[in-house]
């Protein structure tokens, strides 16, 4: 199974978003769907920062987990 997930602790793979709920505003619209959300200061995937609040990093630690694959057993 996925035993290294579900906890924020050393050795665990965690996805986290650092945001300020008082500043959080979804600015995307139908005419501008790629607008960045205000109030998000960082995003971490599998413990590696992928968003700095201003731009993405070069890190690509995530992977797709598909239902029905043997790694979910």
PDB file of N, CA and C in Angstrom:
ATOM      1  N   UNK A   1       0.796  -1.186   0.000  1.00  0.00           N
ATOM      2  CA  UNK A   1       0.000   0.000   0.000  1.00  0.00           C
ATOM      3  C   UNK A   1       0.844   1.256   0.000  1.00  0.00           C
ATOM      4  N   UNK A   2       0.239   2.335   0.364  1.00  0.00           N
ATOM      5  CA  UNK A   2       0.901   3.635   0.412  1.00  0.00           C
ATOM      6  C   UNK A   2       1.240   3.966   1.862  1.00  0.00           C
ATOM      7  N   UNK A   3       2.162   3.231   2.432  1.00  0.00           N
ATOM      8  CA  UNK A   3       2.467   3.367   3.860  1.00  0.00           C
ATOM      9  C   UNK A   3       3.289   4.599   4.192  1.00  0.00           C
ATOM     10  N   UNK A   4       3.904   5.245   3.194  1.00  0.00           N
ATOM     11  CA  UNK A   4       4.721   6.427   3.469  1.00  0.00           C
ATOM     12  C   UNK A   4       3.951   7.728   3.228  1.00  0.00           C
ATOM     13  N   UNK A   5       2.622   7.672   3.320  1.00  0.00           N
ATOM     14  CA  UNK A   5       1.793   8.853   3.096  1.00  0.00           C
ATOM     15  C   UNK A   5       0.781   9.029   4.223  1.00  0.00           C
ATOM     16  N   UNK A   6       0.237  10.246   4.296  1.00  0.00           N
ATOM     17  CA  UNK A   6      -0.828  10.492   5.253  1.00  0.00           C
ATOM     18  C   UNK A   6      -0.394  11.159   6.541  1.00  0.00           C
ATOM     19  N   UNK A   7       0.913  11.409   6.682  1.00  0.00           N
ATOM     20  CA  UNK A   7       1.418  12.054   7.895  1.00  0.00           C
ATOM     21  C   UNK A   7       2.477  13.081   7.520  1.00  0.00           C
ATOM     22  N   UNK A   8       2.559  14.150   8.295  1.00  0.00           N
ATOM     23  CA  UNK A   8       3.646  15.106   8.136  1.00  0.00           C
ATOM     24  C   UNK A   8       4.696  14.721   9.163  1.00  0.00           C
ATOM     25  N   UNK A   9       5.707  13.989   8.709  1.00  0.00           N
ATOM     26  CA  UNK A   9       6.759  13.482   9.589  1.00  0.00           C
ATOM     27  C   UNK A   9       7.958  13.081   8.737  1.00  0.00           C
ATOM     28  N   UNK A  10       9.153  13.011   9.345  1.00  0.00           N
ATOM     29  CA  UNK A  10      10.329  12.567   8.592  1.00  0.00           C
ATOM     30  C   UNK A  10      10.090  11.203   7.945  1.00  0.00           C
ATOM     31  N   UNK A  11      10.510  11.082   6.690  1.00  0.00           N
ATOM     32  CA  UNK A  11      10.357   9.824   5.966  1.00  0.00           C
ATOM     33  C   UNK A  11       9.020   9.653   5.275  1.00  0.00           C
ATOM     34  N   UNK A  12       8.090  10.575   5.499  1.00  0.00           N
ATOM     35  CA  UNK A  12       6.777  10.514   4.860  1.00  0.00           C
ATOM     36  C   UNK A  12       6.764  11.422   3.635  1.00  0.00           C
ATOM     37  N   UNK A  13       5.971  11.062   2.642  1.00  0.00           N
ATOM     38  CA  UNK A  13       5.816  11.875   1.437  1.00  0.00           C
ATOM     39  C   UNK A  13       4.533  12.687   1.591  1.00  0.00           C
ATOM     40  N   UNK A  14       4.696  14.004   1.760  1.00  0.00           N
ATOM     41  CA  UNK A  14       3.538  14.857   1.999  1.00  0.00           C
ATOM     42  C   UNK A  14       3.413  15.920   0.913  1.00  0.00           C
ATOM     43  N   UNK A  15       2.187  16.243   0.553  1.00  0.00           N
ATOM     44  CA  UNK A  15       1.889  17.367  -0.328  1.00  0.00           C
ATOM     45  C   UNK A  15       1.271  18.451   0.549  1.00  0.00           C
ATOM     46  N   UNK A  16       1.843  19.644   0.521  1.00  0.00           N
ATOM     47  CA  UNK A  16       1.386  20.732   1.386  1.00  0.00           C
ATOM     48  C   UNK A  16       1.204  22.012   0.584  1.00  0.00           C
ATOM     49  N   UNK A  17       0.274  22.853   1.041  1.00  0.00           N
ATOM     50  CA  UNK A  17       0.078  24.180   0.467  1.00  0.00           C
ATOM     51  C   UNK A  17       0.121  25.179   1.613  1.00  0.00           C
ATOM     52  N   UNK A  18       0.989  26.191   1.494  1.00  0.00           N
ATOM     53  CA  UNK A  18       1.071  27.261   2.482  1.00  0.00           C
ATOM     54  C   UNK A  18       0.285  28.442   1.939  1.00  0.00           C
ATOM     55  N   UNK A  19      -0.795  28.805   2.629  1.00  0.00           N
ATOM     56  CA  UNK A  19      -1.625  29.910   2.163  1.00  0.00           C
ATOM     57  C   UNK A  19      -2.115  30.739   3.328  1.00  0.00           C
ATOM     58  N   UNK A  20      -2.484  31.959   3.008  1.00  0.00           N
ATOM     59  CA  UNK A  20      -3.094  32.855   3.973  1.00  0.00           C
ATOM     60  C   UNK A  20      -4.582  32.909   3.636  1.00  0.00           C
ATOM     61  N   UNK A  21      -5.443  32.357   4.489  1.00  0.00           N
ATOM     62  CA  UNK A  21      -6.875  32.316   4.159  1.00  0.00           C
ATOM     63  C   UNK A  21      -7.509  33.699   4.035  1.00  0.00           C
ATOM     64  N   UNK A  22      -6.879  34.724   4.633  1.00  0.00           N
ATOM     65  CA  UNK A  22      -7.419  36.081   4.536  1.00  0.00           C
ATOM     66  C   UNK A  22      -7.056  36.753   3.212  1.00  0.00           C
ATOM     67  N   UNK A  23      -6.056  36.204   2.518  1.00  0.00           N
ATOM     68  CA  UNK A  23      -5.629  36.756   1.234  1.00  0.00           C
ATOM     69  C   UNK A  23      -5.966  35.837   0.065  1.00  0.00           C
ATOM     70  N   UNK A  24      -6.478  34.650   0.355  1.00  0.00           N
ATOM     71  CA  UNK A  24      -6.712  33.637  -0.668  1.00  0.00           C
ATOM     72  C   UNK A  24      -7.854  34.055  -1.586  1.00  0.00           C
ATOM     73  N   UNK A  25      -7.520  34.279  -2.856  1.00  0.00           N
ATOM     74  CA  UNK A  25      -8.514  34.687  -3.857  1.00  0.00           C
ATOM     75  C   UNK A  25      -8.219  33.938  -5.152  1.00  0.00           C
ATOM     76  N   UNK A  26      -9.202  33.220  -5.648  1.00  0.00           N
ATOM     77  CA  UNK A  26      -9.068  32.552  -6.942  1.00  0.00           C
ATOM     78  C   UNK A  26      -9.343  33.588  -8.019  1.00  0.00           C
ATOM     79  N   UNK A  27      -8.315  33.968  -8.748  1.00  0.00           N
ATOM     80  CA  UNK A  27      -8.457  35.026  -9.748  1.00  0.00           C
ATOM     81  C   UNK A  27      -8.720  34.498 -11.154  1.00  0.00           C
ATOM     82  N   UNK A  28      -8.774  33.190 -11.323  1.00  0.00           N
ATOM     83  CA  UNK A  28      -9.018  32.611 -12.649  1.00  0.00           C
ATOM     84  C   UNK A  28     -10.458  32.870 -13.097  1.00  0.00           C
ATOM     85  N   UNK A  29     -10.605  33.091 -14.390  1.00  0.00           N
ATOM     86  CA  UNK A  29     -11.923  33.297 -14.993  1.00  0.00           C
ATOM     87  C   UNK A  29     -12.010  32.441 -16.257  1.00  0.00           C
ATOM     88  N   UNK A  30     -13.165  32.416 -16.880  1.00  0.00           N
ATOM     89  CA  UNK A  30     -13.306  31.680 -18.135  1.00  0.00           C
ATOM     90  C   UNK A  30     -12.423  32.281 -19.226  1.00  0.00           C
ATOM     91  N   UNK A  31     -12.262  33.597 -19.220  1.00  0.00           N
ATOM     92  CA  UNK A  31     -11.428  34.240 -20.235  1.00  0.00           C
ATOM     93  C   UNK A  31      -9.945  34.225 -19.868  1.00  0.00           C
ATOM     94  N   UNK A  32      -9.620  34.031 -18.583  1.00  0.00           N
ATOM     95  CA  UNK A  32      -8.231  33.978 -18.126  1.00  0.00           C
ATOM     96  C   UNK A  32      -8.080  32.815 -17.137  1.00  0.00           C
ATOM     97  N   UNK A  33      -8.173  31.568 -17.614  1.00  0.00           N
ATOM     98  CA  UNK A  33      -8.183  30.411 -16.715  1.00  0.00           C
ATOM     99  C   UNK A  33      -6.835  30.094 -16.074  1.00  0.00           C
ATOM    100  N   UNK A  34      -5.760  30.678 -16.563  1.00  0.00           N
ATOM    101  CA  UNK A  34      -4.422  30.364 -16.036  1.00  0.00           C
ATOM    102  C   UNK A  34      -3.909  31.418 -15.067  1.00  0.00           C
ATOM    103  N   UNK A  35      -4.774  32.259 -14.560  1.00  0.00           N
ATOM    104  CA  UNK A  35      -4.383  33.277 -13.594  1.00  0.00           C
ATOM    105  C   UNK A  35      -4.015  32.621 -12.267  1.00  0.00           C
ATOM    106  N   UNK A  36      -2.927  33.092 -11.648  1.00  0.00           N
ATOM    107  CA  UNK A  36      -2.493  32.524 -10.375  1.00  0.00           C
ATOM    108  C   UNK A  36      -3.404  32.955  -9.233  1.00  0.00           C
ATOM    109  N   UNK A  37      -3.569  32.089  -8.273  1.00  0.00           N
ATOM    110  CA  UNK A  37      -4.383  32.367  -7.102  1.00  0.00           C
ATOM    111  C   UNK A  37      -3.599  33.227  -6.126  1.00  0.00           C
ATOM    112  N   UNK A  38      -4.201  34.295  -5.629  1.00  0.00           N
ATOM    113  CA  UNK A  38      -3.547  35.155  -4.649  1.00  0.00           C
ATOM    114  C   UNK A  38      -3.565  34.483  -3.279  1.00  0.00           C
ATOM    115  N   UNK A  39      -2.553  34.758  -2.478  1.00  0.00           N
ATOM    116  CA  UNK A  39      -2.506  34.249  -1.115  1.00  0.00           C
ATOM    117  C   UNK A  39      -1.847  32.897  -0.949  1.00  0.00           C
ATOM    118  N   UNK A  40      -1.336  32.308  -2.027  1.00  0.00           N
ATOM    119  CA  UNK A  40      -0.623  31.030  -1.937  1.00  0.00           C
ATOM    120  C   UNK A  40       0.869  31.345  -1.934  1.00  0.00           C
ATOM    121  N   UNK A  41       1.561  30.933  -0.873  1.00  0.00           N
ATOM    122  CA  UNK A  41       2.967  31.288  -0.700  1.00  0.00           C
ATOM    123  C   UNK A  41       3.932  30.142  -0.947  1.00  0.00           C
ATOM    124  N   UNK A  42       3.446  28.935  -1.021  1.00  0.00           N
ATOM    125  CA  UNK A  42       4.318  27.806  -1.307  1.00  0.00           C
ATOM    126  C   UNK A  42       3.526  26.535  -1.489  1.00  0.00           C
ATOM    127  N   UNK A  43       4.042  25.660  -2.351  1.00  0.00           N
ATOM    128  CA  UNK A  43       3.448  24.338  -2.564  1.00  0.00           C
ATOM    129  C   UNK A  43       4.583  23.321  -2.555  1.00  0.00           C
ATOM    130  N   UNK A  44       4.388  22.236  -1.808  1.00  0.00           N
ATOM    131  CA  UNK A  44       5.356  21.153  -1.728  1.00  0.00           C
ATOM    132  C   UNK A  44       4.686  19.862  -2.169  1.00  0.00           C
ATOM    133  N   UNK A  45       5.357  19.114  -3.023  1.00  0.00           N
ATOM    134  CA  UNK A  45       4.885  17.810  -3.482  1.00  0.00           C
ATOM    135  C   UNK A  45       5.933  16.791  -3.066  1.00  0.00           C
ATOM    136  N   UNK A  46       5.495  15.776  -2.349  1.00  0.00           N
ATOM    137  CA  UNK A  46       6.402  14.731  -1.863  1.00  0.00           C
ATOM    138  C   UNK A  46       7.565  15.334  -1.084  1.00  0.00           C
ATOM    139  N   UNK A  47       7.296  16.413  -0.363  1.00  0.00           N
ATOM    140  CA  UNK A  47       8.313  17.034   0.475  1.00  0.00           C
ATOM    141  C   UNK A  47       9.248  17.992  -0.237  1.00  0.00           C
ATOM    142  N   UNK A  48       9.078  18.220  -1.537  1.00  0.00           N
ATOM    143  CA  UNK A  48       9.927  19.141  -2.293  1.00  0.00           C
ATOM    144  C   UNK A  48       9.110  20.337  -2.756  1.00  0.00           C
ATOM    145  N   UNK A  49       9.669  21.540  -2.579  1.00  0.00           N
ATOM    146  CA  UNK A  49       8.940  22.737  -2.979  1.00  0.00           C
ATOM    147  C   UNK A  49       8.876  22.839  -4.496  1.00  0.00           C
ATOM    148  N   UNK A  50       7.652  23.026  -5.016  1.00  0.00           N
ATOM    149  CA  UNK A  50       7.432  23.151  -6.460  1.00  0.00           C
ATOM    150  C   UNK A  50       6.880  24.524  -6.849  1.00  0.00           C
ATOM    151  N   UNK A  51       6.462  25.317  -5.856  1.00  0.00           N
ATOM    152  CA  UNK A  51       5.942  26.669  -6.097  1.00  0.00           C
ATOM    153  C   UNK A  51       6.432  27.560  -4.977  1.00  0.00           C
ATOM    154  N   UNK A  52       6.973  28.746  -5.326  1.00  0.00           N
ATOM    155  CA  UNK A  52       7.551  29.642  -4.326  1.00  0.00           C
ATOM    156  C   UNK A  52       6.618  30.776  -3.922  1.00  0.00           C
ATOM    157  N   UNK A  53       5.450  30.834  -4.519  1.00  0.00           N
ATOM    158  CA  UNK A  53       4.547  31.951  -4.287  1.00  0.00           C
ATOM    159  C   UNK A  53       4.594  32.940  -5.432  1.00  0.00           C
ATOM    160  N   UNK A  54       5.682  32.919  -6.194  1.00  0.00           N
ATOM    161  CA  UNK A  54       5.843  33.781  -7.361  1.00  0.00           C
ATOM    162  C   UNK A  54       6.042  32.993  -8.646  1.00  0.00           C
ATOM    163  N   UNK A  55       6.617  31.807  -8.526  1.00  0.00           N
ATOM    164  CA  UNK A  55       6.894  31.008  -9.722  1.00  0.00           C
ATOM    165  C   UNK A  55       7.124  29.554  -9.337  1.00  0.00           C
ATOM    166  N   UNK A  56       7.104  28.701 -10.346  1.00  0.00           N
ATOM    167  CA  UNK A  56       7.362  27.287 -10.100  1.00  0.00           C
ATOM    168  C   UNK A  56       8.863  27.050 -10.027  1.00  0.00           C
ATOM    169  N   UNK A  57       9.242  25.962  -9.386  1.00  0.00           N
ATOM    170  CA  UNK A  57      10.644  25.569  -9.311  1.00  0.00           C
ATOM    171  C   UNK A  57      10.900  24.499 -10.372  1.00  0.00           C
ATOM    172  N   UNK A  58      12.123  24.046 -10.469  1.00  0.00           N
ATOM    173  CA  UNK A  58      12.466  22.995 -11.428  1.00  0.00           C
ATOM    174  C   UNK A  58      12.118  21.608 -10.897  1.00  0.00           C
ATOM    175  N   UNK A  59      11.757  21.505  -9.623  1.00  0.00           N
ATOM    176  CA  UNK A  59      11.465  20.201  -9.012  1.00  0.00           C
ATOM    177  C   UNK A  59      10.204  19.587  -9.608  1.00  0.00           C
ATOM    178  N   UNK A  60      10.251  18.303  -9.880  1.00  0.00           N
ATOM    179  CA  UNK A  60       9.104  17.551 -10.394  1.00  0.00           C
ATOM    180  C   UNK A  60       9.021  16.220  -9.647  1.00  0.00           C
ATOM    181  N   UNK A  61       8.771  16.264  -8.330  1.00  0.00           N
ATOM    182  CA  UNK A  61       8.826  15.047  -7.527  1.00  0.00           C
ATOM    183  C   UNK A  61       7.585  14.170  -7.593  1.00  0.00           C
ATOM    184  N   UNK A  62       6.488  14.679  -8.081  1.00  0.00           N
ATOM    185  CA  UNK A  62       5.235  13.923  -8.064  1.00  0.00           C
ATOM    186  C   UNK A  62       5.195  12.817  -9.094  1.00  0.00           C
ATOM    187  N   UNK A  63       4.224  11.944  -8.920  1.00  0.00           N
ATOM    188  CA  UNK A  63       3.976  10.896  -9.907  1.00  0.00           C
ATOM    189  C   UNK A  63       2.489  10.585  -9.889  1.00  0.00           C
ATOM    190  N   UNK A  64       2.002  10.111 -10.993  1.00  0.00           N
ATOM    191  CA  UNK A  64       0.591   9.756 -11.115  1.00  0.00           C
ATOM    192  C   UNK A  64       0.387   8.379 -10.500  1.00  0.00           C
ATOM    193  N   UNK A  65      -0.615   8.252  -9.649  1.00  0.00           N
ATOM    194  CA  UNK A  65      -0.984   6.957  -9.070  1.00  0.00           C
ATOM    195  C   UNK A  65      -2.324   6.578  -9.675  1.00  0.00           C
ATOM    196  N   UNK A  66      -2.329   5.540 -10.461  1.00  0.00           N
ATOM    197  CA  UNK A  66      -3.544   5.131 -11.159  1.00  0.00           C
ATOM    198  C   UNK A  66      -4.268   4.033 -10.379  1.00  0.00           C
ATOM    199  N   UNK A  67      -5.566   4.131 -10.319  1.00  0.00           N
ATOM    200  CA  UNK A  67      -6.387   3.123  -9.647  1.00  0.00           C
ATOM    201  C   UNK A  67      -6.261   1.806 -10.391  1.00  0.00           C
ATOM    202  N   UNK A  68      -6.111   0.729  -9.628  1.00  0.00           N
ATOM    203  CA  UNK A  68      -6.038  -0.590 -10.225  1.00  0.00           C
ATOM    204  C   UNK A  68      -4.629  -1.075 -10.484  1.00  0.00           C
ATOM    205  N   UNK A  69      -3.633  -0.241 -10.243  1.00  0.00           N
ATOM    206  CA  UNK A  69      -2.250  -0.665 -10.448  1.00  0.00           C
ATOM    207  C   UNK A  69      -1.759  -1.402  -9.209  1.00  0.00           C
ATOM    208  N   UNK A  70      -0.761  -2.241  -9.401  1.00  0.00           N
ATOM    209  CA  UNK A  70      -0.264  -3.094  -8.323  1.00  0.00           C
ATOM    210  C   UNK A  70       0.324  -2.306  -7.159  1.00  0.00           C
ATOM    211  N   UNK A  71       0.780  -1.046  -7.372  1.00  0.00           N
ATOM    212  CA  UNK A  71       1.355  -0.283  -6.274  1.00  0.00           C
ATOM    213  C   UNK A  71       0.309   0.209  -5.280  1.00  0.00           C
ATOM    214  N   UNK A  72      -0.949   0.027  -5.555  1.00  0.00           N
ATOM    215  CA  UNK A  72      -2.009   0.398  -4.621  1.00  0.00           C
ATOM    216  C   UNK A  72      -2.486  -0.786  -3.791  1.00  0.00           C
ATOM    217  N   UNK A  73      -1.964  -1.951  -4.032  1.00  0.00           N
ATOM    218  CA  UNK A  73      -2.416  -3.156  -3.330  1.00  0.00           C
ATOM    219  C   UNK A  73      -2.067  -3.113  -1.864  1.00  0.00           C
TER     220      UNK A  73
END
